[in-house]
Protein backbone atom coordinates (compact mmCIF):
# COMPACT_ATOMS: atom_id res chain seq x y z
CA UNK A 1 120.42 -29.64 74.00
CA UNK A 2 116.78 -29.82 74.99
CA UNK A 3 117.54 -27.70 78.11
CA UNK A 4 118.95 -24.90 75.96
CA UNK A 5 115.92 -24.88 73.70
CA UNK A 6 113.56 -24.88 76.67
CA UNK A 7 115.44 -21.91 78.16
CA UNK A 8 115.09 -20.02 74.89
CA UNK A 9 111.38 -20.77 74.72
CA UNK A 10 110.81 -19.66 78.30
CA UNK A 11 112.74 -16.42 77.73
CA UNK A 12 115.26 -16.94 80.53
CA UNK A 13 118.28 -16.12 78.33
CA UNK A 14 116.66 -13.17 76.59
CA UNK A 15 116.79 -9.66 77.99
CA UNK A 16 113.37 -8.90 76.48
CA UNK A 17 110.91 -11.11 74.57
CA UNK A 18 110.34 -8.39 71.93
CA UNK A 19 113.14 -8.73 69.32
CA UNK A 20 113.13 -5.02 68.45
CA UNK A 21 113.42 -3.96 72.10
CA UNK A 22 116.11 -6.63 72.68
CA UNK A 23 118.15 -5.23 69.77
CA UNK A 24 117.81 -1.70 71.21
CA UNK A 25 119.04 -2.89 74.61
CA UNK A 26 122.01 -4.71 73.10
CA UNK A 27 123.03 -1.73 70.93
CA UNK A 28 123.27 0.65 73.91
CA UNK A 29 126.82 1.60 74.75
CA UNK A 30 127.68 1.39 78.44
CA UNK A 31 127.98 4.76 80.21
CA UNK A 32 131.43 5.79 81.47
CA UNK A 33 132.03 5.52 85.20
CA UNK A 34 132.50 8.66 87.26
CA UNK A 35 136.26 9.12 87.61
CA UNK A 36 136.47 12.38 89.59
CA UNK A 37 135.73 13.38 93.17
CA UNK A 38 135.93 17.20 93.19
CA UNK A 39 134.36 19.71 90.78
CA UNK A 40 135.45 23.35 90.79
CA UNK A 41 135.09 26.56 88.76
CA UNK A 42 138.41 28.29 88.07
CA UNK A 43 138.96 31.73 86.52
CA UNK A 44 141.15 31.52 83.41
CA UNK A 45 142.43 34.04 80.88
CA UNK A 46 139.32 34.33 78.68
CA UNK A 47 136.60 33.43 81.21
CA UNK A 48 135.94 30.54 83.56
CA UNK A 49 136.72 26.83 83.30
CA UNK A 50 135.32 23.77 85.05
CA UNK A 51 137.92 21.51 86.63
CA UNK A 52 137.46 17.89 87.66
CA UNK A 53 140.00 16.95 90.34
CA UNK A 54 142.09 19.96 89.30
CA UNK A 55 142.15 19.07 85.60
CA UNK A 56 140.22 21.18 83.05
CA UNK A 57 137.20 19.77 81.22
CA UNK A 58 137.74 19.53 77.47
CA UNK A 59 135.34 19.56 74.54
CA UNK A 60 135.02 16.54 72.22
CA UNK A 61 137.47 18.38 69.93
CA UNK A 62 140.07 18.36 72.77
CA UNK A 63 139.95 22.15 73.23
CA UNK A 64 139.75 23.55 76.75
CA UNK A 65 136.17 24.39 77.69
CA UNK A 66 136.13 28.07 78.65
CA UNK A 67 132.82 29.74 79.49
CA UNK A 68 132.30 33.51 79.38
CA UNK A 69 130.67 33.89 82.82
CA UNK A 70 131.12 32.32 86.22
CA UNK A 71 127.39 31.58 86.36
CA UNK A 72 127.55 29.50 83.16
CA UNK A 73 130.57 27.59 84.47
CA UNK A 74 128.75 27.00 87.76
CA UNK A 75 125.80 25.46 85.86
CA UNK A 76 128.12 22.99 84.09
CA UNK A 77 129.95 22.26 87.36
CA UNK A 78 126.60 21.57 89.04
CA UNK A 79 125.73 19.05 86.34
CA UNK A 80 129.05 17.25 86.85
CA UNK A 81 128.52 17.24 90.63
CA UNK A 82 125.04 15.75 90.26
CA UNK A 83 126.31 12.66 88.42
CA UNK A 84 126.15 9.38 90.33
CA UNK A 85 128.26 6.30 89.70
CA UNK A 86 128.17 6.83 85.92
CA UNK A 87 128.29 9.94 83.76
CA UNK A 88 125.02 10.21 81.83
CA UNK A 89 125.16 12.96 79.17
CA UNK A 90 121.37 12.94 78.85
CA UNK A 91 121.13 14.47 82.33
CA UNK A 92 123.57 17.27 81.41
CA UNK A 93 121.72 19.61 78.99
CA UNK A 94 123.90 22.69 79.65
CA UNK A 95 127.08 20.65 79.09
CA UNK A 96 125.73 19.35 75.78
CA UNK A 97 124.76 22.89 74.75
CA UNK A 98 128.25 24.20 75.56
CA UNK A 99 129.90 21.42 73.55
């Protein structure tokens, strides 16, 4: 029991000694992992769509994301291509604007 209390006092088990910062860290939701390999821009009936591994990107409302110009679709596709191991929406301002 004493070992556990000593660990708590030394801060080994805590992610941050500040309780407010620790709560912020623990409330963060984990980012989704990147699940696609190829990103492409495809012309569709009303404009241009971004496809991830051949499947169209959808909005949070489940509607197909169709952009009016190829340039706009290329911007969103570039943001998807730039993602690393996880998809971080903070680094995708054009995607957030389109949604």
